[in-house]
Amino acid sequence: MLIDSHCHFDFEPFDSDPKHYLALAHSAGVGKIIIPSVGQRNWQRVQSLCSQFDELFYALGLHPFFSEEHGSGALEGLKQQLAKAVADTGQNASKCVAVGECGLDFAIVGADREQQIELLRAQLELANQYALPVILHCRKAFPELLRLLKQHPPSAGGVYHGFSGSLPQAQQLIELGIKIGVGGTITYQRANKTRNTIAALPLATLMLETDAPDMPVAGFQGQPNRPDRLCNIIEALADIRPESQSEIELATSLTTAELFRISM
């Protein structure tokens, strides 16, 4: 069974017909999907989806790309939602598996970097308070992200989603207990730096993700990405690594299940 560790399944086109897209995922061997949230506007939606489908799990967080939407009450709202989710003993018990998507995005023109830093710091502290892993987003802010992770080491670990950095950067993350999210970038032959880095890392540090509907795989440019295309990522990974495809499937699924504390 495969696990898509990062899929925005509450976005279009999935939210209009989730059963259809889950059936496609199942046909490709994808048995579980983690849905990170981006802010207050979709917390209820991801929770509702996960209450309807056993194979869906969610994370609660404040995405840096949407920092302008996060008003003064956003952080307090996140605290309340996390407390409620962790204490849930009903239909959604154990469905909240992480804090995220959170991080830093300095690629945004005019971004309020200090606000992003403070929001991430607070979310790292919340993750530790509730013993949850973090799902990290980072663009053009790696040194600052690393500094914050060292100041607030995630006690339950985490994953750096959509990694496209260097080998030294990946190794620094791994030393802090952060797994490396492997997505569609490696399906492109021209992505030499990322492919070489992912090929050199221990298999046990890798997790698979689609970031659907974003991050389309090679051959499907211009189309919404889908969870069933996790198979394309595995095929590309098997092409650049010594392990077989089945070994990669098992190892990455076990790593993901262990981090998010979900059954296989």
C-alpha atoms as a PDB file:
ATOM      1  CA  MET A   1       0.000   0.000   0.000  1.00  0.00           C
ATOM      2  CA  LEU A   2       1.229   3.467  -0.926  1.00  0.00           C
ATOM      3  CA  ILE A   3       0.730   6.621   1.125  1.00  0.00           C
ATOM      4  CA  ASP A   4       0.562  10.065  -0.443  1.00  0.00           C
ATOM      5  CA  SER A   5       2.116  12.144   2.329  1.00  0.00           C
ATOM      6  CA  HIS A   6       1.028  15.509   0.904  1.00  0.00           C
ATOM      7  CA  CYS A   7      -2.089  16.087  -1.185  1.00  0.00           C
ATOM      8  CA  HIS A   8      -4.492  19.033  -1.066  1.00  0.00           C
ATOM      9  CA  PHE A   9      -7.496  16.784  -1.551  1.00  0.00           C
ATOM     10  CA  ASP A  10      -9.878  19.531  -0.448  1.00  0.00           C
ATOM     11  CA  PHE A  11      -8.949  21.610  -3.531  1.00  0.00           C
ATOM     12  CA  GLU A  12     -10.410  21.409  -7.032  1.00  0.00           C
ATOM     13  CA  PRO A  13     -10.833  19.117  -8.871  1.00  0.00           C
ATOM     14  CA  PHE A  14     -10.998  16.612  -6.006  1.00  0.00           C
ATOM     15  CA  ASP A  15     -13.581  18.323  -3.815  1.00  0.00           C
ATOM     16  CA  SER A  16     -16.240  18.104  -6.541  1.00  0.00           C
ATOM     17  CA  ASP A  17     -16.043  14.288  -6.723  1.00  0.00           C
ATOM     18  CA  PRO A  18     -13.796  12.828  -3.993  1.00  0.00           C
ATOM     19  CA  LYS A  19     -15.110   9.280  -4.468  1.00  0.00           C
ATOM     20  CA  HIS A  20     -14.004   9.277  -8.107  1.00  0.00           C
ATOM     21  CA  TYR A  21     -10.487  10.464  -7.337  1.00  0.00           C
ATOM     22  CA  LEU A  22     -10.155   8.087  -4.400  1.00  0.00           C
ATOM     23  CA  ALA A  23     -11.134   5.229  -6.719  1.00  0.00           C
ATOM     24  CA  LEU A  24      -8.377   6.296  -9.121  1.00  0.00           C
ATOM     25  CA  ALA A  25      -5.931   6.413  -6.227  1.00  0.00           C
ATOM     26  CA  HIS A  26      -6.963   2.947  -5.042  1.00  0.00           C
ATOM     27  CA  SER A  27      -6.515   1.547  -8.545  1.00  0.00           C
ATOM     28  CA  ALA A  28      -2.913   2.773  -8.430  1.00  0.00           C
ATOM     29  CA  GLY A  29      -2.297   1.234  -5.008  1.00  0.00           C
ATOM     30  CA  VAL A  30      -2.557   4.464  -3.018  1.00  0.00           C
ATOM     31  CA  GLY A  31      -4.337   3.472   0.180  1.00  0.00           C
ATOM     32  CA  LYS A  32      -3.935   6.528   2.388  1.00  0.00           C
ATOM     33  CA  ILE A  33      -3.653  10.280   1.803  1.00  0.00           C
ATOM     34  CA  ILE A  34      -2.494  13.048   4.139  1.00  0.00           C
ATOM     35  CA  ILE A  35      -4.241  16.399   3.585  1.00  0.00           C
ATOM     36  CA  PRO A  36      -2.347  19.433   4.897  1.00  0.00           C
ATOM     37  CA  SER A  37      -4.394  22.564   5.481  1.00  0.00           C
ATOM     38  CA  VAL A  38      -3.415  26.102   4.536  1.00  0.00           C
ATOM     39  CA  GLY A  39      -5.415  28.229   6.967  1.00  0.00           C
ATOM     40  CA  GLN A  40      -8.661  28.833   8.782  1.00  0.00           C
ATOM     41  CA  ARG A  41     -10.655  28.822   5.557  1.00  0.00           C
ATOM     42  CA  ASN A  42     -10.144  25.104   4.973  1.00  0.00           C
ATOM     43  CA  TRP A  43      -9.741  23.554   8.427  1.00  0.00           C
ATOM     44  CA  GLN A  44     -13.402  22.561   8.561  1.00  0.00           C
ATOM     45  CA  ARG A  45     -13.292  21.206   5.016  1.00  0.00           C
ATOM     46  CA  VAL A  46     -10.327  18.883   5.608  1.00  0.00           C
ATOM     47  CA  GLN A  47     -11.866  17.654   8.845  1.00  0.00           C
ATOM     48  CA  SER A  48     -15.168  16.986   7.117  1.00  0.00           C
ATOM     49  CA  LEU A  49     -13.504  15.055   4.293  1.00  0.00           C
ATOM     50  CA  CYS A  50     -11.571  12.898   6.732  1.00  0.00           C
ATOM     51  CA  SER A  51     -14.719  12.079   8.678  1.00  0.00           C
ATOM     52  CA  GLN A  52     -16.261  10.716   5.465  1.00  0.00           C
ATOM     53  CA  PHE A  53     -13.369   8.568   4.214  1.00  0.00           C
ATOM     54  CA  ASP A  54     -11.267   6.198   6.303  1.00  0.00           C
ATOM     55  CA  GLU A  55      -8.243   6.557   4.041  1.00  0.00           C
ATOM     56  CA  LEU A  56      -7.928  10.321   4.548  1.00  0.00           C
ATOM     57  CA  PHE A  57      -5.993  12.037   7.349  1.00  0.00           C
ATOM     58  CA  TYR A  58      -5.367  15.726   7.930  1.00  0.00           C
ATOM     59  CA  ALA A  59      -3.018  18.324   9.364  1.00  0.00           C
ATOM     60  CA  LEU A  60      -3.897  21.749  10.765  1.00  0.00           C
ATOM     61  CA  GLY A  61      -1.691  24.727  10.071  1.00  0.00           C
ATOM     62  CA  LEU A  62      -1.132  28.220   8.718  1.00  0.00           C
ATOM     63  CA  HIS A  63       0.610  28.183   5.330  1.00  0.00           C
ATOM     64  CA  PRO A  64       3.102  31.038   4.802  1.00  0.00           C
ATOM     65  CA  PHE A  65       1.960  31.616   1.220  1.00  0.00           C
ATOM     66  CA  PHE A  66      -1.403  32.753   2.569  1.00  0.00           C
ATOM     67  CA  SER A  67       0.046  34.790   5.426  1.00  0.00           C
ATOM     68  CA  GLU A  68      -1.966  37.873   4.421  1.00  0.00           C
ATOM     69  CA  GLU A  69      -5.139  35.899   5.160  1.00  0.00           C
ATOM     70  CA  HIS A  70      -4.007  34.941   8.656  1.00  0.00           C
ATOM     71  CA  GLY A  71      -5.532  37.630  10.836  1.00  0.00           C
ATOM     72  CA  SER A  72      -4.863  38.378  14.475  1.00  0.00           C
ATOM     73  CA  GLY A  73      -7.069  35.509  15.616  1.00  0.00           C
ATOM     74  CA  ALA A  74      -5.605  32.843  13.341  1.00  0.00           C
ATOM     75  CA  LEU A  75      -3.039  31.523  15.786  1.00  0.00           C
ATOM     76  CA  GLU A  76      -5.520  31.355  18.641  1.00  0.00           C
ATOM     77  CA  GLY A  77      -7.931  29.598  16.307  1.00  0.00           C
ATOM     78  CA  LEU A  78      -5.253  27.050  15.440  1.00  0.00           C
ATOM     79  CA  LYS A  79      -4.566  26.404  19.120  1.00  0.00           C
ATOM     80  CA  GLN A  80      -8.248  25.756  19.745  1.00  0.00           C
ATOM     81  CA  GLN A  81      -8.639  23.506  16.706  1.00  0.00           C
ATOM     82  CA  LEU A  82      -5.579  21.442  17.611  1.00  0.00           C
ATOM     83  CA  ALA A  83      -6.741  21.023  21.197  1.00  0.00           C
ATOM     84  CA  LYS A  84     -10.145  19.881  19.973  1.00  0.00           C
ATOM     85  CA  ALA A  85      -8.692  17.541  17.333  1.00  0.00           C
ATOM     86  CA  VAL A  86      -6.245  15.866  19.696  1.00  0.00           C
ATOM     87  CA  ALA A  87      -8.978  15.334  22.293  1.00  0.00           C
ATOM     88  CA  ASP A  88     -11.482  13.972  19.737  1.00  0.00           C
ATOM     89  CA  THR A  89     -12.727  10.489  20.601  1.00  0.00           C
ATOM     90  CA  GLY A  90     -15.442  10.404  17.955  1.00  0.00           C
ATOM     91  CA  GLN A  91     -15.458   9.658  14.235  1.00  0.00           C
ATOM     92  CA  ASN A  92     -12.366  11.795  13.607  1.00  0.00           C
ATOM     93  CA  ALA A  93     -10.316  10.387  16.488  1.00  0.00           C
ATOM     94  CA  SER A  94      -6.613  10.116  15.545  1.00  0.00           C
ATOM     95  CA  LYS A  95      -7.316  11.714  12.169  1.00  0.00           C
ATOM     96  CA  CYS A  96      -5.269  14.848  12.922  1.00  0.00           C
ATOM     97  CA  VAL A  97      -1.736  13.594  12.338  1.00  0.00           C
ATOM     98  CA  ALA A  98       0.411  16.735  12.060  1.00  0.00           C
ATOM     99  CA  VAL A  99       0.757  20.495  12.283  1.00  0.00           C
ATOM    100  CA  GLY A 100       0.984  22.013   8.836  1.00  0.00           C
ATOM    101  CA  GLU A 101       1.405  23.050   6.242  1.00  0.00           C
ATOM    102  CA  CYS A 102       3.628  25.616   7.898  1.00  0.00           C
ATOM    103  CA  GLY A 103       6.969  27.198   7.111  1.00  0.00           C
ATOM    104  CA  LEU A 104       8.592  30.159   5.401  1.00  0.00           C
ATOM    105  CA  ASP A 105       8.099  31.539   1.904  1.00  0.00           C
ATOM    106  CA  PHE A 106      10.438  34.433   1.186  1.00  0.00           C
ATOM    107  CA  ALA A 107       9.843  34.087  -2.564  1.00  0.00           C
ATOM    108  CA  ILE A 108       6.638  36.081  -2.186  1.00  0.00           C
ATOM    109  CA  VAL A 109       7.157  39.678  -3.278  1.00  0.00           C
ATOM    110  CA  GLY A 110       6.588  42.007  -0.339  1.00  0.00           C
ATOM    111  CA  ALA A 111       6.188  39.153   2.130  1.00  0.00           C
ATOM    112  CA  ASP A 112       6.093  40.061   5.814  1.00  0.00           C
ATOM    113  CA  ARG A 113       9.022  37.889   6.818  1.00  0.00           C
ATOM    114  CA  GLU A 114       8.784  38.654  10.515  1.00  0.00           C
ATOM    115  CA  GLN A 115       5.140  37.605  10.567  1.00  0.00           C
ATOM    116  CA  GLN A 116       6.033  34.340   8.828  1.00  0.00           C
ATOM    117  CA  ILE A 117       8.842  33.685  11.301  1.00  0.00           C
ATOM    118  CA  GLU A 118       6.609  34.298  14.311  1.00  0.00           C
ATOM    119  CA  LEU A 119       3.827  32.115  12.908  1.00  0.00           C
ATOM    120  CA  LEU A 120       6.249  29.276  12.234  1.00  0.00           C
ATOM    121  CA  ARG A 121       7.830  29.586  15.670  1.00  0.00           C
ATOM    122  CA  ALA A 122       4.406  29.368  17.276  1.00  0.00           C
ATOM    123  CA  GLN A 123       3.433  26.348  15.173  1.00  0.00           C
ATOM    124  CA  LEU A 124       6.652  24.524  16.040  1.00  0.00           C
ATOM    125  CA  GLU A 125       5.844  25.103  19.697  1.00  0.00           C
ATOM    126  CA  LEU A 126       2.280  23.850  19.209  1.00  0.00           C
ATOM    127  CA  ALA A 127       3.554  20.733  17.454  1.00  0.00           C
ATOM    128  CA  ASN A 128       5.755  19.980  20.445  1.00  0.00           C
ATOM    129  CA  GLN A 129       2.944  20.748  22.885  1.00  0.00           C
ATOM    130  CA  TYR A 130       0.699  18.170  21.217  1.00  0.00           C
ATOM    131  CA  ALA A 131       3.488  15.747  20.236  1.00  0.00           C
ATOM    132  CA  LEU A 132       2.661  16.057  16.539  1.00  0.00           C
ATOM    133  CA  PRO A 133       5.076  16.090  13.593  1.00  0.00           C
ATOM    134  CA  VAL A 134       5.308  19.157  11.361  1.00  0.00           C
ATOM    135  CA  ILE A 135       4.762  19.429   7.609  1.00  0.00           C
ATOM    136  CA  LEU A 136       7.191  22.077   6.385  1.00  0.00           C
ATOM    137  CA  HIS A 137       7.069  24.407   3.382  1.00  0.00           C
ATOM    138  CA  CYS A 138      10.109  26.481   2.454  1.00  0.00           C
ATOM    139  CA  ARG A 139      11.070  28.714  -0.465  1.00  0.00           C
ATOM    140  CA  LYS A 140      14.179  30.886  -0.492  1.00  0.00           C
ATOM    141  CA  ALA A 141      14.365  30.792   3.303  1.00  0.00           C
ATOM    142  CA  PHE A 142      16.392  27.701   4.153  1.00  0.00           C
ATOM    143  CA  PRO A 143      18.924  29.331   6.550  1.00  0.00           C
ATOM    144  CA  GLU A 144      16.135  30.937   8.562  1.00  0.00           C
ATOM    145  CA  LEU A 145      14.098  27.725   8.595  1.00  0.00           C
ATOM    146  CA  LEU A 146      17.094  25.767   9.819  1.00  0.00           C
ATOM    147  CA  ARG A 147      17.714  28.301  12.579  1.00  0.00           C
ATOM    148  CA  LEU A 148      14.138  28.011  13.817  1.00  0.00           C
ATOM    149  CA  LEU A 149      14.237  24.211  13.706  1.00  0.00           C
ATOM    150  CA  LYS A 150      17.380  24.236  15.814  1.00  0.00           C
ATOM    151  CA  GLN A 151      15.787  26.638  18.287  1.00  0.00           C
ATOM    152  CA  HIS A 152      12.581  24.580  18.461  1.00  0.00           C
ATOM    153  CA  PRO A 153      13.504  20.985  17.541  1.00  0.00           C
ATOM    154  CA  PRO A 154      10.349  19.069  16.555  1.00  0.00           C
ATOM    155  CA  SER A 155      10.025  16.389  19.221  1.00  0.00           C
ATOM    156  CA  ALA A 156       7.804  14.245  16.991  1.00  0.00           C
ATOM    157  CA  GLY A 157       9.816  14.891  13.840  1.00  0.00           C
ATOM    158  CA  GLY A 158       8.468  16.191  10.582  1.00  0.00           C
ATOM    159  CA  VAL A 159       8.780  16.254   6.818  1.00  0.00           C
ATOM    160  CA  TYR A 160      10.162  18.916   4.483  1.00  0.00           C
ATOM    161  CA  HIS A 161       7.646  18.746   1.694  1.00  0.00           C
ATOM    162  CA  GLY A 162       8.581  19.037  -1.986  1.00  0.00           C
ATOM    163  CA  PHE A 163      12.329  18.999  -1.355  1.00  0.00           C
ATOM    164  CA  SER A 164      14.437  20.360  -4.214  1.00  0.00           C
ATOM    165  CA  GLY A 165      17.585  21.422  -2.391  1.00  0.00           C
ATOM    166  CA  SER A 166      21.157  20.232  -2.084  1.00  0.00           C
ATOM    167  CA  LEU A 167      22.618  17.175  -0.387  1.00  0.00           C
ATOM    168  CA  PRO A 168      24.109  19.207   2.519  1.00  0.00           C
ATOM    169  CA  GLN A 169      20.720  20.835   3.112  1.00  0.00           C
ATOM    170  CA  ALA A 170      18.975  17.460   3.171  1.00  0.00           C
ATOM    171  CA  GLN A 171      21.558  16.080   5.577  1.00  0.00           C
ATOM    172  CA  GLN A 172      21.074  19.035   7.925  1.00  0.00           C
ATOM    173  CA  LEU A 173      17.338  18.392   7.979  1.00  0.00           C
ATOM    174  CA  ILE A 174      17.776  14.680   8.577  1.00  0.00           C
ATOM    175  CA  GLU A 175      20.050  15.402  11.550  1.00  0.00           C
ATOM    176  CA  LEU A 176      17.123  17.303  13.081  1.00  0.00           C
ATOM    177  CA  GLY A 177      14.722  14.393  12.581  1.00  0.00           C
ATOM    178  CA  ILE A 178      13.090  15.795   9.448  1.00  0.00           C
ATOM    179  CA  LYS A 179      12.171  13.434   6.614  1.00  0.00           C
ATOM    180  CA  ILE A 180      12.535  14.426   2.966  1.00  0.00           C
ATOM    181  CA  GLY A 181       9.382  14.732   0.855  1.00  0.00           C
ATOM    182  CA  VAL A 182       9.950  13.439  -2.681  1.00  0.00           C
ATOM    183  CA  GLY A 183       7.562  14.728  -5.321  1.00  0.00           C
ATOM    184  CA  GLY A 184       7.152  15.235  -9.030  1.00  0.00           C
ATOM    185  CA  THR A 185      10.385  17.194  -9.468  1.00  0.00           C
ATOM    186  CA  ILE A 186      12.378  13.972  -9.788  1.00  0.00           C
ATOM    187  CA  THR A 187      10.295  12.875 -12.793  1.00  0.00           C
ATOM    188  CA  TYR A 188      11.998  15.583 -14.866  1.00  0.00           C
ATOM    189  CA  GLN A 189      15.354  14.571 -16.341  1.00  0.00           C
ATOM    190  CA  ARG A 190      16.599  18.156 -16.170  1.00  0.00           C
ATOM    191  CA  ALA A 191      16.232  18.271 -12.361  1.00  0.00           C
ATOM    192  CA  ASN A 192      19.768  16.966 -11.889  1.00  0.00           C
ATOM    193  CA  LYS A 193      20.474  18.528  -8.491  1.00  0.00           C
ATOM    194  CA  THR A 194      17.330  17.165  -6.885  1.00  0.00           C
ATOM    195  CA  ARG A 195      17.617  13.747  -8.535  1.00  0.00           C
ATOM    196  CA  ASN A 196      21.244  13.374  -7.475  1.00  0.00           C
ATOM    197  CA  THR A 197      20.440  14.434  -3.919  1.00  0.00           C
ATOM    198  CA  ILE A 198      17.497  12.055  -3.548  1.00  0.00           C
ATOM    199  CA  ALA A 199      19.566   9.229  -5.035  1.00  0.00           C
ATOM    200  CA  ALA A 200      22.274   9.753  -2.396  1.00  0.00           C
ATOM    201  CA  LEU A 201      20.060   9.828   0.710  1.00  0.00           C
ATOM    202  CA  PRO A 202      19.201   6.813   2.884  1.00  0.00           C
ATOM    203  CA  LEU A 203      15.937   5.286   1.706  1.00  0.00           C
ATOM    204  CA  ALA A 204      14.558   5.384   5.259  1.00  0.00           C
ATOM    205  CA  THR A 205      14.636   9.206   5.192  1.00  0.00           C
ATOM    206  CA  LEU A 206      12.341   9.550   2.161  1.00  0.00           C
ATOM    207  CA  MET A 207       8.574  10.006   1.915  1.00  0.00           C
ATOM    208  CA  LEU A 208       6.492  10.157  -1.271  1.00  0.00           C
ATOM    209  CA  GLU A 209       4.077  12.951  -2.135  1.00  0.00           C
ATOM    210  CA  THR A 210       2.171  14.376  -5.067  1.00  0.00           C
ATOM    211  CA  ASP A 211       1.312  17.843  -3.690  1.00  0.00           C
ATOM    212  CA  ALA A 212      -1.747  17.443  -5.909  1.00  0.00           C
ATOM    213  CA  PRO A 213      -3.267  19.321  -7.596  1.00  0.00           C
ATOM    214  CA  ASP A 214       0.091  21.134  -7.809  1.00  0.00           C
ATOM    215  CA  MET A 215       3.543  19.861  -8.823  1.00  0.00           C
ATOM    216  CA  PRO A 216       2.548  17.940 -12.004  1.00  0.00           C
ATOM    217  CA  VAL A 217       4.728  15.007 -12.987  1.00  0.00           C
ATOM    218  CA  ALA A 218       6.557  14.826 -16.318  1.00  0.00           C
ATOM    219  CA  GLY A 219       4.217  14.172 -19.213  1.00  0.00           C
ATOM    220  CA  PHE A 220       1.259  15.811 -17.503  1.00  0.00           C
ATOM    221  CA  GLN A 221       2.357  19.442 -17.481  1.00  0.00           C
ATOM    222  CA  GLY A 222      -0.544  21.868 -17.434  1.00  0.00           C
ATOM    223  CA  GLN A 223      -2.881  19.309 -15.865  1.00  0.00           C
ATOM    224  CA  PRO A 224      -3.919  19.063 -12.210  1.00  0.00           C
ATOM    225  CA  ASN A 225      -1.776  16.500 -10.452  1.00  0.00           C
ATOM    226  CA  ARG A 226      -3.554  13.531  -8.829  1.00  0.00           C
ATOM    227  CA  PRO A 227      -2.790  11.053  -6.022  1.00  0.00           C
ATOM    228  CA  ASP A 228      -2.748   8.109  -8.448  1.00  0.00           C
ATOM    229  CA  ARG A 229       0.301   9.648 -10.138  1.00  0.00           C
ATOM    230  CA  LEU A 230       2.332   8.740  -7.088  1.00  0.00           C
ATOM    231  CA  CYS A 231       3.221   5.711  -9.232  1.00  0.00           C
ATOM    232  CA  ASN A 232       5.080   7.971 -11.675  1.00  0.00           C
ATOM    233  CA  ILE A 233       7.175   9.308  -8.814  1.00  0.00           C
ATOM    234  CA  ILE A 234       8.009   5.799  -7.604  1.00  0.00           C
ATOM    235  CA  GLU A 235       9.061   4.775 -11.104  1.00  0.00           C
ATOM    236  CA  ALA A 236      11.349   7.799 -11.360  1.00  0.00           C
ATOM    237  CA  LEU A 237      12.773   7.070  -7.919  1.00  0.00           C
ATOM    238  CA  ALA A 238      13.498   3.458  -8.852  1.00  0.00           C
ATOM    239  CA  ASP A 239      15.351   4.689 -11.944  1.00  0.00           C
ATOM    240  CA  ILE A 240      17.829   6.727  -9.884  1.00  0.00           C
ATOM    241  CA  ARG A 241      18.248   4.451  -6.857  1.00  0.00           C
ATOM    242  CA  PRO A 242      19.647   0.934  -6.351  1.00  0.00           C
ATOM    243  CA  GLU A 243      16.524  -0.436  -4.659  1.00  0.00           C
ATOM    244  CA  SER A 244      13.672  -2.104  -6.524  1.00  0.00           C
ATOM    245  CA  GLN A 245      10.336  -0.396  -6.944  1.00  0.00           C
ATOM    246  CA  SER A 246       8.702  -2.748  -4.432  1.00  0.00           C
ATOM    247  CA  GLU A 247      11.424  -2.035  -1.869  1.00  0.00           C
ATOM    248  CA  ILE A 248      10.909   1.701  -2.323  1.00  0.00           C
ATOM    249  CA  GLU A 249       7.139   1.357  -1.992  1.00  0.00           C
ATOM    250  CA  LEU A 250       7.417  -0.575   1.265  1.00  0.00           C
ATOM    251  CA  ALA A 251      10.138   1.565   2.840  1.00  0.00           C
ATOM    252  CA  THR A 252       8.554   4.926   2.053  1.00  0.00           C
ATOM    253  CA  SER A 253       5.123   3.779   3.208  1.00  0.00           C
ATOM    254  CA  LEU A 254       6.531   2.478   6.488  1.00  0.00           C
ATOM    255  CA  THR A 255       8.397   5.735   7.075  1.00  0.00           C
ATOM    256  CA  THR A 256       5.267   7.782   6.407  1.00  0.00           C
ATOM    257  CA  ALA A 257       3.052   5.578   8.567  1.00  0.00           C
ATOM    258  CA  GLU A 258       5.548   5.754  11.417  1.00  0.00           C
ATOM    259  CA  LEU A 259       5.903   9.546  11.274  1.00  0.00           C
ATOM    260  CA  PHE A 260       2.151  10.179  11.210  1.00  0.00           C
ATOM    261  CA  ARG A 261       1.345   7.242  13.501  1.00  0.00           C
ATOM    262  CA  ILE A 262      -1.153   5.634  11.180  1.00  0.00           C
ATOM    263  CA  SER A 263      -1.592   1.929  10.470  1.00  0.00           C
ATOM    264  CA  MET A 264      -0.440   0.394   7.206  1.00  0.00           C
END
